[in-house]
Amino acid sequence: MARPLWLVRPRNDGGCDYVNFVPGSTPGSAAVEMREGSHLPPQMPLLKRRCWLQRDEAEQQRRLLQLEGGYRHSEPLF
């Protein structure tokens, strides 16, 4: 994961759940920050969980979220 990636899953209430993968800021870093949250405009986004993963773990998590979690690639929400 060379650049930030957003995955979004719509909810019935008009909001959405999101997962944002952000690569480490150090060049050559193998760490990726994964941020999970929800957003219901016009409210502020809610960050539910954040963790650091190795690059291969982040890629596995991305695939799992897209295949089983109903998440789709998206432009940044905010």
PDB file of N, CA and C in Angstrom:
ATOM      1  N   MET A   1       0.842  -1.169   0.000  1.00  0.00           N
ATOM      2  CA  MET A   1       0.000   0.000   0.000  1.00  0.00           C
ATOM      3  C   MET A   1       0.891   1.237   0.000  1.00  0.00           C
ATOM      4  N   ALA A   2       0.995   1.859  -1.130  1.00  0.00           N
ATOM      5  CA  ALA A   2       1.913   2.987  -1.274  1.00  0.00           C
ATOM      6  C   ALA A   2       1.276   4.333  -0.935  1.00  0.00           C
ATOM      7  N   ARG A   3      -0.047   4.406  -0.960  1.00  0.00           N
ATOM      8  CA  ARG A   3      -0.719   5.674  -0.656  1.00  0.00           C
ATOM      9  C   ARG A   3      -2.012   5.384   0.106  1.00  0.00           C
ATOM     10  N   PRO A   4      -2.602   6.416   0.729  1.00  0.00           N
ATOM     11  CA  PRO A   4      -3.817   6.197   1.517  1.00  0.00           C
ATOM     12  C   PRO A   4      -4.943   5.572   0.688  1.00  0.00           C
ATOM     13  N   LEU A   5      -5.721   4.727   1.336  1.00  0.00           N
ATOM     14  CA  LEU A   5      -6.825   4.026   0.684  1.00  0.00           C
ATOM     15  C   LEU A   5      -8.053   4.113   1.576  1.00  0.00           C
ATOM     16  N   TRP A   6      -9.194   4.444   0.985  1.00  0.00           N
ATOM     17  CA  TRP A   6     -10.458   4.535   1.709  1.00  0.00           C
ATOM     18  C   TRP A   6     -11.389   3.430   1.238  1.00  0.00           C
ATOM     19  N   LEU A   7     -12.022   2.743   2.202  1.00  0.00           N
ATOM     20  CA  LEU A   7     -13.084   1.780   1.927  1.00  0.00           C
ATOM     21  C   LEU A   7     -14.319   2.252   2.677  1.00  0.00           C
ATOM     22  N   VAL A   8     -15.477   2.191   2.025  1.00  0.00           N
ATOM     23  CA  VAL A   8     -16.716   2.707   2.605  1.00  0.00           C
ATOM     24  C   VAL A   8     -17.833   1.692   2.420  1.00  0.00           C
ATOM     25  N   ARG A   9     -18.690   1.589   3.458  1.00  0.00           N
ATOM     26  CA  ARG A   9     -19.874   0.732   3.395  1.00  0.00           C
ATOM     27  C   ARG A   9     -21.074   1.577   3.829  1.00  0.00           C
ATOM     28  N   PRO A  10     -22.066   1.777   2.940  1.00  0.00           N
ATOM     29  CA  PRO A  10     -23.234   2.587   3.303  1.00  0.00           C
ATOM     30  C   PRO A  10     -24.085   1.906   4.372  1.00  0.00           C
ATOM     31  N   ARG A  11     -24.769   2.738   5.163  1.00  0.00           N
ATOM     32  CA  ARG A  11     -25.695   2.243   6.194  1.00  0.00           C
ATOM     33  C   ARG A  11     -27.110   2.694   5.856  1.00  0.00           C
ATOM     34  N   ASN A  12     -28.087   2.038   6.467  1.00  0.00           N
ATOM     35  CA  ASN A  12     -29.501   2.349   6.211  1.00  0.00           C
ATOM     36  C   ASN A  12     -29.908   3.741   6.692  1.00  0.00           C
ATOM     37  N   ASP A  13     -29.194   4.302   7.669  1.00  0.00           N
ATOM     38  CA  ASP A  13     -29.565   5.608   8.219  1.00  0.00           C
ATOM     39  C   ASP A  13     -29.005   6.786   7.416  1.00  0.00           C
ATOM     40  N   GLY A  14     -28.377   6.507   6.277  1.00  0.00           N
ATOM     41  CA  GLY A  14     -27.814   7.562   5.443  1.00  0.00           C
ATOM     42  C   GLY A  14     -26.345   7.830   5.705  1.00  0.00           C
ATOM     43  N   GLY A  15     -25.819   7.233   6.741  1.00  0.00           N
ATOM     44  CA  GLY A  15     -24.399   7.381   7.051  1.00  0.00           C
ATOM     45  C   GLY A  15     -23.594   6.273   6.403  1.00  0.00           C
ATOM     46  N   CYS A  16     -22.364   6.150   6.833  1.00  0.00           N
ATOM     47  CA  CYS A  16     -21.512   5.088   6.301  1.00  0.00           C
ATOM     48  C   CYS A  16     -20.468   4.688   7.335  1.00  0.00           C
ATOM     49  N   ASP A  17     -20.007   3.461   7.205  1.00  0.00           N
ATOM     50  CA  ASP A  17     -18.850   2.984   7.952  1.00  0.00           C
ATOM     51  C   ASP A  17     -17.662   3.133   7.020  1.00  0.00           C
ATOM     52  N   TYR A  18     -16.513   3.453   7.574  1.00  0.00           N
ATOM     53  CA  TYR A  18     -15.338   3.617   6.723  1.00  0.00           C
ATOM     54  C   TYR A  18     -14.118   2.960   7.358  1.00  0.00           C
ATOM     55  N   VAL A  19     -13.183   2.587   6.511  1.00  0.00           N
ATOM     56  CA  VAL A  19     -11.861   2.125   6.927  1.00  0.00           C
ATOM     57  C   VAL A  19     -10.862   2.872   6.059  1.00  0.00           C
ATOM     58  N   ASN A  20      -9.884   3.462   6.707  1.00  0.00           N
ATOM     59  CA  ASN A  20      -8.868   4.251   6.016  1.00  0.00           C
ATOM     60  C   ASN A  20      -7.505   3.636   6.312  1.00  0.00           C
ATOM     61  N   PHE A  21      -6.784   3.244   5.274  1.00  0.00           N
ATOM     62  CA  PHE A  21      -5.435   2.707   5.418  1.00  0.00           C
ATOM     63  C   PHE A  21      -4.444   3.807   5.059  1.00  0.00           C
ATOM     64  N   VAL A  22      -3.523   4.112   5.976  1.00  0.00           N
ATOM     65  CA  VAL A  22      -2.546   5.181   5.759  1.00  0.00           C
ATOM     66  C   VAL A  22      -1.142   4.599   5.924  1.00  0.00           C
ATOM     67  N   PRO A  23      -0.346   4.585   4.855  1.00  0.00           N
ATOM     68  CA  PRO A  23       1.023   4.064   4.961  1.00  0.00           C
ATOM     69  C   PRO A  23       1.862   4.890   5.930  1.00  0.00           C
ATOM     70  N   GLY A  24       2.845   4.245   6.552  1.00  0.00           N
ATOM     71  CA  GLY A  24       3.751   4.942   7.461  1.00  0.00           C
ATOM     72  C   GLY A  24       4.460   6.088   6.764  1.00  0.00           C
ATOM     73  N   SER A  25       4.791   7.115   7.516  1.00  0.00           N
ATOM     74  CA  SER A  25       5.399   8.319   6.926  1.00  0.00           C
ATOM     75  C   SER A  25       6.893   8.173   6.660  1.00  0.00           C
ATOM     76  N   THR A  26       7.518   7.163   7.250  1.00  0.00           N
ATOM     77  CA  THR A  26       8.947   6.941   7.032  1.00  0.00           C
ATOM     78  C   THR A  26       9.158   6.209   5.713  1.00  0.00           C
ATOM     79  N   PRO A  27      10.014   6.706   4.831  1.00  0.00           N
ATOM     80  CA  PRO A  27      10.261   6.003   3.564  1.00  0.00           C
ATOM     81  C   PRO A  27      10.735   4.570   3.817  1.00  0.00           C
ATOM     82  N   GLY A  28      10.147   3.630   3.089  1.00  0.00           N
ATOM     83  CA  GLY A  28      10.503   2.230   3.244  1.00  0.00           C
ATOM     84  C   GLY A  28       9.841   1.554   4.428  1.00  0.00           C
ATOM     85  N   SER A  29       8.987   2.268   5.131  1.00  0.00           N
ATOM     86  CA  SER A  29       8.306   1.696   6.289  1.00  0.00           C
ATOM     87  C   SER A  29       7.334   0.610   5.851  1.00  0.00           C
ATOM     88  N   ALA A  30       7.287  -0.487   6.611  1.00  0.00           N
ATOM     89  CA  ALA A  30       6.381  -1.588   6.298  1.00  0.00           C
ATOM     90  C   ALA A  30       5.092  -1.482   7.103  1.00  0.00           C
ATOM     91  N   ALA A  31       4.950  -0.438   7.910  1.00  0.00           N
ATOM     92  CA  ALA A  31       3.772  -0.289   8.757  1.00  0.00           C
ATOM     93  C   ALA A  31       2.682   0.528   8.056  1.00  0.00           C
ATOM     94  N   VAL A  32       1.435   0.132   8.302  1.00  0.00           N
ATOM     95  CA  VAL A  32       0.266   0.826   7.762  1.00  0.00           C
ATOM     96  C   VAL A  32      -0.701   1.060   8.918  1.00  0.00           C
ATOM     97  N   GLU A  33      -1.183   2.294   9.062  1.00  0.00           N
ATOM     98  CA  GLU A  33      -2.176   2.586  10.086  1.00  0.00           C
ATOM     99  C   GLU A  33      -3.560   2.323   9.504  1.00  0.00           C
ATOM    100  N   MET A  34      -4.379   1.558  10.239  1.00  0.00           N
ATOM    101  CA  MET A  34      -5.748   1.280   9.819  1.00  0.00           C
ATOM    102  C   MET A  34      -6.685   1.998  10.788  1.00  0.00           C
ATOM    103  N   ARG A  35      -7.530   2.886  10.241  1.00  0.00           N
ATOM    104  CA  ARG A  35      -8.490   3.648  11.043  1.00  0.00           C
ATOM    105  C   ARG A  35      -9.897   3.214  10.658  1.00  0.00           C
ATOM    106  N   GLU A  36     -10.685   2.806  11.648  1.00  0.00           N
ATOM    107  CA  GLU A  36     -12.074   2.397  11.407  1.00  0.00           C
ATOM    108  C   GLU A  36     -13.001   3.382  12.099  1.00  0.00           C
ATOM    109  N   GLY A  37     -14.087   3.740  11.417  1.00  0.00           N
ATOM    110  CA  GLY A  37     -15.015   4.671  12.016  1.00  0.00           C
ATOM    111  C   GLY A  37     -16.339   4.711  11.287  1.00  0.00           C
ATOM    112  N   SER A  38     -17.152   5.702  11.658  1.00  0.00           N
ATOM    113  CA  SER A  38     -18.443   5.897  11.001  1.00  0.00           C
ATOM    114  C   SER A  38     -18.664   7.390  10.801  1.00  0.00           C
ATOM    115  N   HIS A  39     -19.547   7.698   9.867  1.00  0.00           N
ATOM    116  CA  HIS A  39     -19.819   9.100   9.546  1.00  0.00           C
ATOM    117  C   HIS A  39     -21.284   9.240   9.158  1.00  0.00           C
ATOM    118  N   LEU A  40     -21.961  10.189   9.799  1.00  0.00           N
ATOM    119  CA  LEU A  40     -23.346  10.521   9.485  1.00  0.00           C
ATOM    120  C   LEU A  40     -23.411  12.040   9.345  1.00  0.00           C
ATOM    121  N   PRO A  41     -23.273  12.545   8.100  1.00  0.00           N
ATOM    122  CA  PRO A  41     -23.291  13.997   7.909  1.00  0.00           C
ATOM    123  C   PRO A  41     -24.578  14.604   8.468  1.00  0.00           C
ATOM    124  N   PRO A  42     -24.557  15.790   9.017  1.00  0.00           N
ATOM    125  CA  PRO A  42     -23.453  16.744   9.092  1.00  0.00           C
ATOM    126  C   PRO A  42     -22.597  16.585  10.354  1.00  0.00           C
ATOM    127  N   GLN A  43     -22.740  15.499  11.082  1.00  0.00           N
ATOM    128  CA  GLN A  43     -21.958  15.300  12.301  1.00  0.00           C
ATOM    129  C   GLN A  43     -20.489  15.057  11.973  1.00  0.00           C
ATOM    130  N   MET A  44     -19.652  15.240  12.971  1.00  0.00           N
ATOM    131  CA  MET A  44     -18.225  14.942  12.822  1.00  0.00           C
ATOM    132  C   MET A  44     -18.045  13.431  12.704  1.00  0.00           C
ATOM    133  N   PRO A  45     -17.064  12.974  11.940  1.00  0.00           N
ATOM    134  CA  PRO A  45     -16.790  11.538  11.850  1.00  0.00           C
ATOM    135  C   PRO A  45     -16.396  10.977  13.217  1.00  0.00           C
ATOM    136  N   LEU A  46     -16.776   9.741  13.460  1.00  0.00           N
ATOM    137  CA  LEU A  46     -16.458   9.061  14.711  1.00  0.00           C
ATOM    138  C   LEU A  46     -15.379   8.021  14.439  1.00  0.00           C
ATOM    139  N   LEU A  47     -14.249   8.142  15.111  1.00  0.00           N
ATOM    140  CA  LEU A  47     -13.175   7.163  15.001  1.00  0.00           C
ATOM    141  C   LEU A  47     -13.427   6.085  16.047  1.00  0.00           C
ATOM    142  N   LYS A  48     -13.668   4.851  15.597  1.00  0.00           N
ATOM    143  CA  LYS A  48     -13.965   3.750  16.511  1.00  0.00           C
ATOM    144  C   LYS A  48     -12.718   2.990  16.936  1.00  0.00           C
ATOM    145  N   ARG A  49     -11.787   2.830  16.009  1.00  0.00           N
ATOM    146  CA  ARG A  49     -10.606   2.020  16.308  1.00  0.00           C
ATOM    147  C   ARG A  49      -9.480   2.403  15.362  1.00  0.00           C
ATOM    148  N   ARG A  50      -8.266   2.315  15.861  1.00  0.00           N
ATOM    149  CA  ARG A  50      -7.093   2.496  15.004  1.00  0.00           C
ATOM    150  C   ARG A  50      -6.002   1.553  15.475  1.00  0.00           C
ATOM    151  N   CYS A  51      -5.249   1.035  14.512  1.00  0.00           N
ATOM    152  CA  CYS A  51      -4.164   0.114  14.842  1.00  0.00           C
ATOM    153  C   CYS A  51      -3.120   0.158  13.736  1.00  0.00           C
ATOM    154  N   TRP A  52      -1.942  -0.341  14.042  1.00  0.00           N
ATOM    155  CA  TRP A  52      -0.854  -0.424  13.069  1.00  0.00           C
ATOM    156  C   TRP A  52      -0.694  -1.864  12.637  1.00  0.00           C
ATOM    157  N   LEU A  53      -0.576  -2.077  11.339  1.00  0.00           N
ATOM    158  CA  LEU A  53      -0.411  -3.412  10.770  1.00  0.00           C
ATOM    159  C   LEU A  53       0.818  -3.427   9.866  1.00  0.00           C
ATOM    160  N   GLN A  54       1.376  -4.604   9.681  1.00  0.00           N
ATOM    161  CA  GLN A  54       2.405  -4.772   8.665  1.00  0.00           C
ATOM    162  C   GLN A  54       1.727  -4.660   7.300  1.00  0.00           C
ATOM    163  N   ARG A  55       2.478  -4.320   6.292  1.00  0.00           N
ATOM    164  CA  ARG A  55       1.906  -4.083   4.962  1.00  0.00           C
ATOM    165  C   ARG A  55       1.119  -5.290   4.445  1.00  0.00           C
ATOM    166  N   ASP A  56       1.642  -6.502   4.624  1.00  0.00           N
ATOM    167  CA  ASP A  56       0.931  -7.693   4.138  1.00  0.00           C
ATOM    168  C   ASP A  56      -0.342  -7.955   4.938  1.00  0.00           C
ATOM    169  N   GLU A  57      -0.330  -7.665   6.253  1.00  0.00           N
ATOM    170  CA  GLU A  57      -1.538  -7.805   7.069  1.00  0.00           C
ATOM    171  C   GLU A  57      -2.604  -6.801   6.630  1.00  0.00           C
ATOM    172  N   ALA A  58      -2.183  -5.587   6.317  1.00  0.00           N
ATOM    173  CA  ALA A  58      -3.116  -4.553   5.862  1.00  0.00           C
ATOM    174  C   ALA A  58      -3.765  -4.964   4.543  1.00  0.00           C
ATOM    175  N   GLU A  59      -2.986  -5.551   3.661  1.00  0.00           N
ATOM    176  CA  GLU A  59      -3.524  -6.004   2.375  1.00  0.00           C
ATOM    177  C   GLU A  59      -4.529  -7.134   2.577  1.00  0.00           C
ATOM    178  N   GLN A  60      -4.242  -8.055   3.487  1.00  0.00           N
ATOM    179  CA  GLN A  60      -5.188  -9.135   3.803  1.00  0.00           C
ATOM    180  C   GLN A  60      -6.476  -8.563   4.386  1.00  0.00           C
ATOM    181  N   GLN A  61      -6.347  -7.603   5.291  1.00  0.00           N
ATOM    182  CA  GLN A  61      -7.520  -6.982   5.907  1.00  0.00           C
ATOM    183  C   GLN A  61      -8.361  -6.260   4.859  1.00  0.00           C
ATOM    184  N   ARG A  62      -7.706  -5.572   3.932  1.00  0.00           N
ATOM    185  CA  ARG A  62      -8.426  -4.878   2.855  1.00  0.00           C
ATOM    186  C   ARG A  62      -9.241  -5.861   2.031  1.00  0.00           C
ATOM    187  N   ARG A  63      -8.621  -6.968   1.633  1.00  0.00           N
ATOM    188  CA  ARG A  63      -9.337  -7.974   0.843  1.00  0.00           C
ATOM    189  C   ARG A  63     -10.528  -8.543   1.606  1.00  0.00           C
ATOM    190  N   LEU A  64     -10.327  -8.840   2.889  1.00  0.00           N
ATOM    191  CA  LEU A  64     -11.401  -9.384   3.715  1.00  0.00           C
ATOM    192  C   LEU A  64     -12.568  -8.399   3.819  1.00  0.00           C
ATOM    193  N   LEU A  65     -12.274  -7.136   4.054  1.00  0.00           N
ATOM    194  CA  LEU A  65     -13.328  -6.121   4.158  1.00  0.00           C
ATOM    195  C   LEU A  65     -14.106  -5.982   2.854  1.00  0.00           C
ATOM    196  N   GLN A  66     -13.414  -6.054   1.727  1.00  0.00           N
ATOM    197  CA  GLN A  66     -14.090  -5.912   0.442  1.00  0.00           C
ATOM    198  C   GLN A  66     -14.881  -7.165   0.073  1.00  0.00           C
ATOM    199  N   LEU A  67     -14.333  -8.336   0.327  1.00  0.00           N
ATOM    200  CA  LEU A  67     -15.011  -9.575  -0.067  1.00  0.00           C
ATOM    201  C   LEU A  67     -16.134  -9.966   0.882  1.00  0.00           C
ATOM    202  N   GLU A  68     -15.913  -9.812   2.185  1.00  0.00           N
ATOM    203  CA  GLU A  68     -16.890 -10.294   3.163  1.00  0.00           C
ATOM    204  C   GLU A  68     -17.616  -9.185   3.908  1.00  0.00           C
ATOM    205  N   GLY A  69     -17.020  -8.002   3.977  1.00  0.00           N
ATOM    206  CA  GLY A  69     -17.603  -6.929   4.769  1.00  0.00           C
ATOM    207  C   GLY A  69     -18.486  -5.967   4.003  1.00  0.00           C
ATOM    208  N   GLY A  70     -18.517  -6.071   2.678  1.00  0.00           N
ATOM    209  CA  GLY A  70     -19.350  -5.181   1.884  1.00  0.00           C
ATOM    210  C   GLY A  70     -18.766  -3.796   1.667  1.00  0.00           C
ATOM    211  N   TYR A  71     -17.491  -3.610   1.927  1.00  0.00           N
ATOM    212  CA  TYR A  71     -16.847  -2.311   1.728  1.00  0.00           C
ATOM    213  C   TYR A  71     -16.427  -2.149   0.274  1.00  0.00           C
ATOM    214  N   ARG A  72     -16.470  -0.912  -0.206  1.00  0.00           N
ATOM    215  CA  ARG A  72     -16.073  -0.577  -1.573  1.00  0.00           C
ATOM    216  C   ARG A  72     -15.062   0.562  -1.544  1.00  0.00           C
ATOM    217  N   HIS A  73     -14.182   0.580  -2.541  1.00  0.00           N
ATOM    218  CA  HIS A  73     -13.192   1.656  -2.663  1.00  0.00           C
ATOM    219  C   HIS A  73     -13.916   2.986  -2.821  1.00  0.00           C
ATOM    220  N   SER A  74     -13.372   4.043  -2.230  1.00  0.00           N
ATOM    221  CA  SER A  74     -14.023   5.349  -2.254  1.00  0.00           C
ATOM    222  C   SER A  74     -12.986   6.467  -2.298  1.00  0.00           C
ATOM    223  N   GLU A  75     -13.434   7.618  -2.744  1.00  0.00           N
ATOM    224  CA  GLU A  75     -12.652   8.841  -2.590  1.00  0.00           C
ATOM    225  C   GLU A  75     -12.671   9.198  -1.099  1.00  0.00           C
ATOM    226  N   PRO A  76     -11.723   9.990  -0.616  1.00  0.00           N
ATOM    227  CA  PRO A  76     -11.728  10.378   0.800  1.00  0.00           C
ATOM    228  C   PRO A  76     -13.049  11.038   1.202  1.00  0.00           C
ATOM    229  N   LEU A  77     -13.547  10.685   2.381  1.00  0.00           N
ATOM    230  CA  LEU A  77     -14.821  11.233   2.859  1.00  0.00           C
ATOM    231  C   LEU A  77     -14.669  12.638   3.421  1.00  0.00           C
ATOM    232  N   PHE A  78     -13.527  12.917   4.007  1.00  0.00           N
ATOM    233  CA  PHE A  78     -13.306  14.213   4.646  1.00  0.00           C
ATOM    234  C   PHE A  78     -11.840  14.533   4.646  1.00  0.00           C
TER     235      PHE A  78
END
